[in-house]
Amino acid sequence: TGGSLRLSCAASATTPRTFTTYAMGWYRQSPGTEREL
C-alpha cells in the first residue's frame, strides 16, 4: 500500500496496416466484478 507500479502496453497490427495509430486504454477487473475503465 502506497507503492507504485508502471504498466506498459504495445499494440501492433498483424495485417499490413502499419500506418494506423490506435487510441488505447487501461481497464481492470477483479473476480466477480465487471471490467471497468
PDB file of all heavy atoms in Angstrom:
ATOM      1  N   THR A   1       0.843  -1.200   0.000  1.00  0.00           N
ATOM      2  CA  THR A   1       0.000   0.000   0.000  1.00  0.00           C
ATOM      3  C   THR A   1       0.877   1.249   0.000  1.00  0.00           C
ATOM      4  O   THR A   1       1.831   1.347   0.762  1.00  0.00           O
ATOM      5  CB  THR A   1      -0.921   0.015   1.233  1.00  0.00           C
ATOM      6  OG1 THR A   1      -1.808  -1.115   1.164  1.00  0.00           O
ATOM      7  CG2 THR A   1      -1.739   1.280   1.273  1.00  0.00           C
ATOM      8  N   GLY A   2       0.528   2.177  -0.887  1.00  0.00           N
ATOM      9  CA  GLY A   2       1.306   3.406  -1.025  1.00  0.00           C
ATOM     10  C   GLY A   2       2.404   3.332  -2.049  1.00  0.00           C
ATOM     11  O   GLY A   2       3.018   4.353  -2.382  1.00  0.00           O
ATOM     12  N   GLY A   3       2.657   2.153  -2.564  1.00  0.00           N
ATOM     13  CA  GLY A   3       3.715   1.967  -3.544  1.00  0.00           C
ATOM     14  C   GLY A   3       3.284   2.354  -4.953  1.00  0.00           C
ATOM     15  O   GLY A   3       2.172   2.833  -5.182  1.00  0.00           O
ATOM     16  N   SER A   4       4.183   2.121  -5.906  1.00  0.00           N
ATOM     17  CA  SER A   4       3.946   2.499  -7.294  1.00  0.00           C
ATOM     18  C   SER A   4       4.265   1.338  -8.227  1.00  0.00           C
ATOM     19  O   SER A   4       5.109   0.492  -7.929  1.00  0.00           O
ATOM     20  CB  SER A   4       4.821   3.698  -7.680  1.00  0.00           C
ATOM     21  OG  SER A   4       4.515   4.827  -6.900  1.00  0.00           O
ATOM     22  N   LEU A   5       3.591   1.341  -9.354  1.00  0.00           N
ATOM     23  CA  LEU A   5       3.861   0.410 -10.437  1.00  0.00           C
ATOM     24  C   LEU A   5       3.664   1.133 -11.753  1.00  0.00           C
ATOM     25  O   LEU A   5       2.856   2.065 -11.842  1.00  0.00           O
ATOM     26  CB  LEU A   5       2.929  -0.807 -10.398  1.00  0.00           C
ATOM     27  CG  LEU A   5       3.216  -1.933  -9.416  1.00  0.00           C
ATOM     28  CD1 LEU A   5       2.107  -2.961  -9.468  1.00  0.00           C
ATOM     29  CD2 LEU A   5       4.555  -2.588  -9.722  1.00  0.00           C
ATOM     30  N   ARG A   6       4.358   0.678 -12.772  1.00  0.00           N
ATOM     31  CA  ARG A   6       4.187   1.230 -14.116  1.00  0.00           C
ATOM     32  C   ARG A   6       3.850   0.094 -15.064  1.00  0.00           C
ATOM     33  O   ARG A   6       4.650  -0.835 -15.221  1.00  0.00           O
ATOM     34  CB  ARG A   6       5.457   1.925 -14.574  1.00  0.00           C
ATOM     35  CG  ARG A   6       5.307   2.697 -15.887  1.00  0.00           C
ATOM     36  CD  ARG A   6       6.652   3.078 -16.429  1.00  0.00           C
ATOM     37  NE  ARG A   6       6.594   4.097 -17.449  1.00  0.00           N
ATOM     38  CZ  ARG A   6       7.525   4.263 -18.386  1.00  0.00           C
ATOM     39  NH1 ARG A   6       8.577   3.462 -18.418  1.00  0.00           N
ATOM     40  NH2 ARG A   6       7.396   5.228 -19.287  1.00  0.00           N
ATOM     41  N   LEU A   7       2.690   0.179 -15.654  1.00  0.00           N
ATOM     42  CA  LEU A   7       2.275  -0.811 -16.636  1.00  0.00           C
ATOM     43  C   LEU A   7       2.609  -0.317 -18.043  1.00  0.00           C
ATOM     44  O   LEU A   7       2.503   0.875 -18.324  1.00  0.00           O
ATOM     45  CB  LEU A   7       0.772  -1.073 -16.536  1.00  0.00           C
ATOM     46  CG  LEU A   7       0.232  -1.487 -15.162  1.00  0.00           C
ATOM     47  CD1 LEU A   7      -1.254  -1.789 -15.253  1.00  0.00           C
ATOM     48  CD2 LEU A   7       1.004  -2.666 -14.605  1.00  0.00           C
ATOM     49  N   SER A   8       2.973  -1.247 -18.899  1.00  0.00           N
ATOM     50  CA  SER A   8       3.286  -0.923 -20.287  1.00  0.00           C
ATOM     51  C   SER A   8       2.408  -1.740 -21.220  1.00  0.00           C
ATOM     52  O   SER A   8       2.008  -2.858 -20.895  1.00  0.00           O
ATOM     53  CB  SER A   8       4.759  -1.247 -20.589  1.00  0.00           C
ATOM     54  OG  SER A   8       5.616  -0.524 -19.745  1.00  0.00           O
ATOM     55  N   CYS A   9       2.127  -1.173 -22.366  1.00  0.00           N
ATOM     56  CA  CYS A   9       1.301  -1.865 -23.347  1.00  0.00           C
ATOM     57  C   CYS A   9       1.787  -1.498 -24.740  1.00  0.00           C
ATOM     58  O   CYS A   9       2.089  -0.340 -25.017  1.00  0.00           O
ATOM     59  CB  CYS A   9      -0.162  -1.477 -23.192  1.00  0.00           C
ATOM     60  SG  CYS A   9      -1.257  -2.172 -24.451  1.00  0.00           S
ATOM     61  N   ALA A  10       1.844  -2.494 -25.603  1.00  0.00           N
ATOM     62  CA  ALA A  10       2.221  -2.265 -27.001  1.00  0.00           C
ATOM     63  C   ALA A  10       1.205  -2.942 -27.898  1.00  0.00           C
ATOM     64  O   ALA A  10       0.844  -4.092 -27.664  1.00  0.00           O
ATOM     65  CB  ALA A  10       3.615  -2.802 -27.273  1.00  0.00           C
ATOM     66  N   ALA A  11       0.747  -2.214 -28.909  1.00  0.00           N
ATOM     67  CA  ALA A  11      -0.206  -2.759 -29.871  1.00  0.00           C
ATOM     68  C   ALA A  11       0.428  -2.763 -31.253  1.00  0.00           C
ATOM     69  O   ALA A  11       1.111  -1.817 -31.638  1.00  0.00           O
ATOM     70  CB  ALA A  11      -1.481  -1.921 -29.887  1.00  0.00           C
ATOM     71  N   SER A  12       0.196  -3.840 -31.988  1.00  0.00           N
ATOM     72  CA  SER A  12       0.743  -3.925 -33.334  1.00  0.00           C
ATOM     73  C   SER A  12      -0.257  -4.633 -34.231  1.00  0.00           C
ATOM     74  O   SER A  12      -0.928  -5.577 -33.817  1.00  0.00           O
ATOM     75  CB  SER A  12       2.081  -4.663 -33.327  1.00  0.00           C
ATOM     76  OG  SER A  12       1.937  -5.953 -32.791  1.00  0.00           O
ATOM     77  N   ALA A  13      -0.335  -4.160 -35.467  1.00  0.00           N
ATOM     78  CA  ALA A  13      -1.247  -4.758 -36.419  1.00  0.00           C
ATOM     79  C   ALA A  13      -0.642  -6.038 -36.977  1.00  0.00           C
ATOM     80  O   ALA A  13       0.534  -6.079 -37.319  1.00  0.00           O
ATOM     81  CB  ALA A  13      -1.548  -3.783 -37.544  1.00  0.00           C
ATOM     82  N   THR A  14      -1.451  -7.057 -37.058  1.00  0.00           N
ATOM     83  CA  THR A  14      -0.981  -8.316 -37.632  1.00  0.00           C
ATOM     84  C   THR A  14      -1.279  -8.392 -39.118  1.00  0.00           C
ATOM     85  O   THR A  14      -0.884  -9.325 -39.787  1.00  0.00           O
ATOM     86  CB  THR A  14      -1.622  -9.517 -36.916  1.00  0.00           C
ATOM     87  OG1 THR A  14      -3.050  -9.407 -37.024  1.00  0.00           O
ATOM     88  CG2 THR A  14      -1.236  -9.535 -35.456  1.00  0.00           C
ATOM     89  N   THR A  15      -2.023  -7.398 -39.603  1.00  0.00           N
ATOM     90  CA  THR A  15      -2.264  -7.272 -41.038  1.00  0.00           C
ATOM     91  C   THR A  15      -1.520  -6.041 -41.516  1.00  0.00           C
ATOM     92  O   THR A  15      -1.183  -5.160 -40.721  1.00  0.00           O
ATOM     93  CB  THR A  15      -3.761  -7.131 -41.346  1.00  0.00           C
ATOM     94  OG1 THR A  15      -4.282  -6.040 -40.595  1.00  0.00           O
ATOM     95  CG2 THR A  15      -4.491  -8.407 -40.972  1.00  0.00           C
ATOM     96  N   PRO A  16      -1.256  -5.915 -42.810  1.00  0.00           N
ATOM     97  CA  PRO A  16      -0.416  -4.816 -43.301  1.00  0.00           C
ATOM     98  C   PRO A  16      -1.096  -3.444 -43.248  1.00  0.00           C
ATOM     99  O   PRO A  16      -1.319  -2.838 -44.266  1.00  0.00           O
ATOM    100  CB  PRO A  16      -0.081  -5.221 -44.722  1.00  0.00           C
ATOM    101  CG  PRO A  16      -0.773  -6.449 -45.007  1.00  0.00           C
ATOM    102  CD  PRO A  16      -1.570  -6.871 -43.841  1.00  0.00           C
ATOM    103  N   ARG A  17      -1.430  -2.975 -42.030  1.00  0.00           N
ATOM    104  CA  ARG A  17      -1.984  -1.631 -41.843  1.00  0.00           C
ATOM    105  C   ARG A  17      -1.040  -0.889 -40.916  1.00  0.00           C
ATOM    106  O   ARG A  17      -1.389  -0.501 -39.822  1.00  0.00           O
ATOM    107  CB  ARG A  17      -3.390  -1.701 -41.266  1.00  0.00           C
ATOM    108  CG  ARG A  17      -4.374  -2.444 -42.149  1.00  0.00           C
ATOM    109  CD  ARG A  17      -5.735  -2.556 -41.498  1.00  0.00           C
ATOM    110  NE  ARG A  17      -6.349  -1.261 -41.310  1.00  0.00           N
ATOM    111  CZ  ARG A  17      -7.491  -1.065 -40.656  1.00  0.00           C
ATOM    112  NH1 ARG A  17      -8.109  -2.099 -40.124  1.00  0.00           N
ATOM    113  NH2 ARG A  17      -8.000   0.126 -40.524  1.00  0.00           N
ATOM    114  N   THR A  18       0.169  -0.742 -41.350  1.00  0.00           N
ATOM    115  CA  THR A  18       1.234  -0.287 -40.457  1.00  0.00           C
ATOM    116  C   THR A  18       1.159   1.178 -40.122  1.00  0.00           C
ATOM    117  O   THR A  18       1.873   1.652 -39.262  1.00  0.00           O
ATOM    118  CB  THR A  18       2.593  -0.580 -41.100  1.00  0.00           C
ATOM    119  OG1 THR A  18       2.654   0.081 -42.361  1.00  0.00           O
ATOM    120  CG2 THR A  18       2.782  -2.068 -41.289  1.00  0.00           C
ATOM    121  N   PHE A  19       0.279   1.949 -40.777  1.00  0.00           N
ATOM    122  CA  PHE A  19       0.259   3.373 -40.530  1.00  0.00           C
ATOM    123  C   PHE A  19      -0.849   3.792 -39.564  1.00  0.00           C
ATOM    124  O   PHE A  19      -1.056   4.967 -39.343  1.00  0.00           O
ATOM    125  CB  PHE A  19       0.130   4.137 -41.847  1.00  0.00           C
ATOM    126  CG  PHE A  19       1.265   3.872 -42.783  1.00  0.00           C
ATOM    127  CD1 PHE A  19       1.099   3.092 -43.909  1.00  0.00           C
ATOM    128  CD2 PHE A  19       2.522   4.396 -42.518  1.00  0.00           C
ATOM    129  CE1 PHE A  19       2.161   2.833 -44.760  1.00  0.00           C
ATOM    130  CE2 PHE A  19       3.585   4.150 -43.374  1.00  0.00           C
ATOM    131  CZ  PHE A  19       3.400   3.365 -44.493  1.00  0.00           C
ATOM    132  N   THR A  20      -1.552   2.818 -38.983  1.00  0.00           N
ATOM    133  CA  THR A  20      -2.622   3.141 -38.059  1.00  0.00           C
ATOM    134  C   THR A  20      -2.062   3.402 -36.676  1.00  0.00           C
ATOM    135  O   THR A  20      -1.257   2.625 -36.168  1.00  0.00           O
ATOM    136  CB  THR A  20      -3.628   1.980 -37.988  1.00  0.00           C
ATOM    137  OG1 THR A  20      -4.184   1.754 -39.285  1.00  0.00           O
ATOM    138  CG2 THR A  20      -4.746   2.308 -37.023  1.00  0.00           C
ATOM    139  N   THR A  21      -2.462   4.524 -36.088  1.00  0.00           N
ATOM    140  CA  THR A  21      -2.135   4.806 -34.701  1.00  0.00           C
ATOM    141  C   THR A  21      -3.414   4.660 -33.890  1.00  0.00           C
ATOM    142  O   THR A  21      -4.430   5.269 -34.214  1.00  0.00           O
ATOM    143  CB  THR A  21      -1.573   6.222 -34.533  1.00  0.00           C
ATOM    144  OG1 THR A  21      -0.422   6.374 -35.383  1.00  0.00           O
ATOM    145  CG2 THR A  21      -1.143   6.447 -33.098  1.00  0.00           C
ATOM    146  N   TYR A  22      -3.350   3.859 -32.851  1.00  0.00           N
ATOM    147  CA  TYR A  22      -4.553   3.495 -32.112  1.00  0.00           C
ATOM    148  C   TYR A  22      -4.776   4.348 -30.882  1.00  0.00           C
ATOM    149  O   TYR A  22      -3.829   4.755 -30.213  1.00  0.00           O
ATOM    150  CB  TYR A  22      -4.460   2.031 -31.674  1.00  0.00           C
ATOM    151  CG  TYR A  22      -4.302   1.066 -32.813  1.00  0.00           C
ATOM    152  CD1 TYR A  22      -3.079   0.449 -33.066  1.00  0.00           C
ATOM    153  CD2 TYR A  22      -5.361   0.776 -33.653  1.00  0.00           C
ATOM    154  CE1 TYR A  22      -2.924  -0.439 -34.119  1.00  0.00           C
ATOM    155  CE2 TYR A  22      -5.216  -0.099 -34.708  1.00  0.00           C
ATOM    156  CZ  TYR A  22      -3.996  -0.697 -34.937  1.00  0.00           C
ATOM    157  OH  TYR A  22      -3.854  -1.559 -35.988  1.00  0.00           O
ATOM    158  N   ALA A  23      -6.044   4.588 -30.571  1.00  0.00           N
ATOM    159  CA  ALA A  23      -6.396   5.042 -29.237  1.00  0.00           C
ATOM    160  C   ALA A  23      -6.197   3.850 -28.304  1.00  0.00           C
ATOM    161  O   ALA A  23      -6.389   2.701 -28.720  1.00  0.00           O
ATOM    162  CB  ALA A  23      -7.850   5.503 -29.203  1.00  0.00           C
ATOM    163  N   MET A  24      -5.821   4.110 -27.066  1.00  0.00           N
ATOM    164  CA  MET A  24      -5.516   2.991 -26.172  1.00  0.00           C
ATOM    165  C   MET A  24      -6.012   3.308 -24.769  1.00  0.00           C
ATOM    166  O   MET A  24      -6.131   4.467 -24.372  1.00  0.00           O
ATOM    167  CB  MET A  24      -4.010   2.717 -26.174  1.00  0.00           C
ATOM    168  CG  MET A  24      -3.491   2.352 -27.566  1.00  0.00           C
ATOM    169  SD  MET A  24      -1.721   2.088 -27.646  1.00  0.00           S
ATOM    170  CE  MET A  24      -1.596   0.465 -26.890  1.00  0.00           C
ATOM    171  N   GLY A  25      -6.304   2.253 -24.048  1.00  0.00           N
ATOM    172  CA  GLY A  25      -6.824   2.462 -22.706  1.00  0.00           C
ATOM    173  C   GLY A  25      -6.484   1.311 -21.790  1.00  0.00           C
ATOM    174  O   GLY A  25      -6.063   0.241 -22.230  1.00  0.00           O
ATOM    175  N   TRP A  26      -6.658   1.553 -20.510  1.00  0.00           N
ATOM    176  CA  TRP A  26      -6.451   0.536 -19.475  1.00  0.00           C
ATOM    177  C   TRP A  26      -7.757   0.274 -18.754  1.00  0.00           C
ATOM    178  O   TRP A  26      -8.459   1.215 -18.348  1.00  0.00           O
ATOM    179  CB  TRP A  26      -5.396   0.995 -18.475  1.00  0.00           C
ATOM    180  CG  TRP A  26      -4.011   0.988 -19.013  1.00  0.00           C
ATOM    181  CD1 TRP A  26      -3.320   2.041 -19.530  1.00  0.00           C
ATOM    182  CD2 TRP A  26      -3.142  -0.141 -19.099  1.00  0.00           C
ATOM    183  NE1 TRP A  26      -2.075   1.643 -19.943  1.00  0.00           N
ATOM    184  CE2 TRP A  26      -1.935   0.300 -19.676  1.00  0.00           C
ATOM    185  CE3 TRP A  26      -3.255  -1.480 -18.741  1.00  0.00           C
ATOM    186  CZ2 TRP A  26      -0.851  -0.544 -19.911  1.00  0.00           C
ATOM    187  CZ3 TRP A  26      -2.182  -2.325 -18.963  1.00  0.00           C
ATOM    188  CH2 TRP A  26      -0.992  -1.856 -19.543  1.00  0.00           C
ATOM    189  N   TYR A  27      -8.075  -0.989 -18.619  1.00  0.00           N
ATOM    190  CA  TYR A  27      -9.221  -1.445 -17.854  1.00  0.00           C
ATOM    191  C   TYR A  27      -8.707  -2.348 -16.742  1.00  0.00           C
ATOM    192  O   TYR A  27      -7.574  -2.829 -16.787  1.00  0.00           O
ATOM    193  CB  TYR A  27     -10.181  -2.253 -18.739  1.00  0.00           C
ATOM    194  CG  TYR A  27     -11.028  -1.423 -19.666  1.00  0.00           C
ATOM    195  CD1 TYR A  27     -10.490  -0.849 -20.816  1.00  0.00           C
ATOM    196  CD2 TYR A  27     -12.381  -1.223 -19.408  1.00  0.00           C
ATOM    197  CE1 TYR A  27     -11.276  -0.087 -21.675  1.00  0.00           C
ATOM    198  CE2 TYR A  27     -13.179  -0.467 -20.259  1.00  0.00           C
ATOM    199  CZ  TYR A  27     -12.621   0.085 -21.392  1.00  0.00           C
ATOM    200  OH  TYR A  27     -13.406   0.826 -22.234  1.00  0.00           O
ATOM    201  N   ARG A  28      -9.568  -2.595 -15.761  1.00  0.00           N
ATOM    202  CA  ARG A  28      -9.225  -3.563 -14.735  1.00  0.00           C
ATOM    203  C   ARG A  28     -10.464  -4.354 -14.346  1.00  0.00           C
ATOM    204  O   ARG A  28     -11.590  -3.889 -14.496  1.00  0.00           O
ATOM    205  CB  ARG A  28      -8.612  -2.888 -13.512  1.00  0.00           C
ATOM    206  CG  ARG A  28      -9.564  -1.999 -12.728  1.00  0.00           C
ATOM    207  CD  ARG A  28      -8.790  -1.272 -11.630  1.00  0.00           C
ATOM    208  NE  ARG A  28      -9.656  -0.440 -10.803  1.00  0.00           N
ATOM    209  CZ  ARG A  28      -9.223   0.381  -9.866  1.00  0.00           C
ATOM    210  NH1 ARG A  28      -7.910   0.512  -9.639  1.00  0.00           N
ATOM    211  NH2 ARG A  28     -10.070   1.093  -9.151  1.00  0.00           N
ATOM    212  N   GLN A  29     -10.200  -5.544 -13.843  1.00  0.00           N
ATOM    213  CA  GLN A  29     -11.296  -6.425 -13.448  1.00  0.00           C
ATOM    214  C   GLN A  29     -10.861  -7.289 -12.290  1.00  0.00           C
ATOM    215  O   GLN A  29      -9.799  -7.911 -12.326  1.00  0.00           O
ATOM    216  CB  GLN A  29     -11.729  -7.299 -14.630  1.00  0.00           C
ATOM    217  CG  GLN A  29     -12.972  -8.119 -14.374  1.00  0.00           C
ATOM    218  CD  GLN A  29     -13.481  -8.798 -15.637  1.00  0.00           C
ATOM    219  OE1 GLN A  29     -12.747  -8.988 -16.598  1.00  0.00           O
ATOM    220  NE2 GLN A  29     -14.751  -9.137 -15.642  1.00  0.00           N
ATOM    221  N   SER A  30     -11.706  -7.313 -11.269  1.00  0.00           N
ATOM    222  CA  SER A  30     -11.493  -8.196 -10.120  1.00  0.00           C
ATOM    223  C   SER A  30     -12.506  -9.318 -10.200  1.00  0.00           C
ATOM    224  O   SER A  30     -13.536  -9.185 -10.853  1.00  0.00           O
ATOM    225  CB  SER A  30     -11.674  -7.413  -8.818  1.00  0.00           C
ATOM    226  OG  SER A  30     -10.789  -6.326  -8.766  1.00  0.00           O
ATOM    227  N   PRO A  31     -12.237 -10.445  -9.525  1.00  0.00           N
ATOM    228  CA  PRO A  31     -13.187 -11.566  -9.554  1.00  0.00           C
ATOM    229  C   PRO A  31     -14.580 -11.121  -9.106  1.00  0.00           C
ATOM    230  O   PRO A  31     -14.729 -10.454  -8.083  1.00  0.00           O
ATOM    231  CB  PRO A  31     -12.578 -12.566  -8.574  1.00  0.00           C
ATOM    232  CG  PRO A  31     -11.122 -12.270  -8.622  1.00  0.00           C
ATOM    233  CD  PRO A  31     -11.017 -10.781  -8.782  1.00  0.00           C
ATOM    234  N   GLY A  32     -15.583 -11.476  -9.900  1.00  0.00           N
ATOM    235  CA  GLY A  32     -16.957 -11.155  -9.547  1.00  0.00           C
ATOM    236  C   GLY A  32     -17.395  -9.759  -9.893  1.00  0.00           C
ATOM    237  O   GLY A  32     -18.517  -9.364  -9.566  1.00  0.00           O
ATOM    238  N   THR A  33     -16.528  -9.003 -10.544  1.00  0.00           N
ATOM    239  CA  THR A  33     -16.895  -7.633 -10.920  1.00  0.00           C
ATOM    240  C   THR A  33     -16.799  -7.470 -12.431  1.00  0.00           C
ATOM    241  O   THR A  33     -16.171  -8.267 -13.126  1.00  0.00           O
ATOM    242  CB  THR A  33     -15.982  -6.598 -10.247  1.00  0.00           C
ATOM    243  OG1 THR A  33     -14.652  -6.713 -10.774  1.00  0.00           O
ATOM    244  CG2 THR A  33     -15.943  -6.806  -8.743  1.00  0.00           C
ATOM    245  N   GLU A  34     -17.427  -6.409 -12.931  1.00  0.00           N
ATOM    246  CA  GLU A  34     -17.341  -6.120 -14.349  1.00  0.00           C
ATOM    247  C   GLU A  34     -16.031  -5.400 -14.656  1.00  0.00           C
ATOM    248  O   GLU A  34     -15.450  -4.733 -13.810  1.00  0.00           O
ATOM    249  CB  GLU A  34     -18.528  -5.246 -14.781  1.00  0.00           C
ATOM    250  CG  GLU A  34     -19.877  -5.936 -14.661  1.00  0.00           C
ATOM    251  CD  GLU A  34     -21.006  -5.064 -15.163  1.00  0.00           C
ATOM    252  OE1 GLU A  34     -20.777  -3.882 -15.440  1.00  0.00           O
ATOM    253  OE2 GLU A  34     -22.134  -5.589 -15.280  1.00  0.00           O
ATOM    254  N   ARG A  35     -15.605  -5.545 -15.886  1.00  0.00           N
ATOM    255  CA  ARG A  35     -14.403  -4.825 -16.316  1.00  0.00           C
ATOM    256  C   ARG A  35     -14.711  -3.334 -16.351  1.00  0.00           C
ATOM    257  O   ARG A  35     -15.721  -2.912 -16.907  1.00  0.00           O
ATOM    258  CB  ARG A  35     -13.979  -5.328 -17.692  1.00  0.00           C
ATOM    259  CG  ARG A  35     -12.618  -4.858 -18.133  1.00  0.00           C
ATOM    260  CD  ARG A  35     -12.162  -5.571 -19.390  1.00  0.00           C
ATOM    261  NE  ARG A  35     -11.993  -7.003 -19.166  1.00  0.00           N
ATOM    262  CZ  ARG A  35     -11.442  -7.821 -20.071  1.00  0.00           C
ATOM    263  NH1 ARG A  35     -11.024  -7.340 -21.234  1.00  0.00           N
ATOM    264  NH2 ARG A  35     -11.331  -9.101 -19.816  1.00  0.00           N
ATOM    265  N   GLU A  36     -13.841  -2.545 -15.753  1.00  0.00           N
ATOM    266  CA  GLU A  36     -14.072  -1.110 -15.684  1.00  0.00           C
ATOM    267  C   GLU A  36     -12.911  -0.331 -16.286  1.00  0.00           C
ATOM    268  O   GLU A  36     -11.751  -0.723 -16.166  1.00  0.00           O
ATOM    269  CB  GLU A  36     -14.277  -0.661 -14.230  1.00  0.00           C
ATOM    270  CG  GLU A  36     -13.087  -0.873 -13.327  1.00  0.00           C
ATOM    271  CD  GLU A  36     -13.275  -0.277 -11.939  1.00  0.00           C
ATOM    272  OE1 GLU A  36     -14.310   0.355 -11.690  1.00  0.00           O
ATOM    273  OE2 GLU A  36     -12.363  -0.439 -11.104  1.00  0.00           O
ATOM    274  N   LEU A  37     -13.254   0.780 -16.897  1.00  0.00           N
ATOM    275  CA  LEU A  37     -12.244   1.650 -17.481  1.00  0.00           C
ATOM    276  C   LEU A  37     -11.460   2.347 -16.376  1.00  0.00           C
ATOM    277  O   LEU A  37     -12.036   2.873 -15.432  1.00  0.00           O
ATOM    278  CB  LEU A  37     -12.909   2.688 -18.386  1.00  0.00           C
ATOM    279  CG  LEU A  37     -11.987   3.729 -19.014  1.00  0.00           C
ATOM    280  CD1 LEU A  37     -11.051   3.093 -20.025  1.00  0.00           C
ATOM    281  CD2 LEU A  37     -12.809   4.840 -19.674  1.00  0.00           C
TER     282      LEU A  37
END
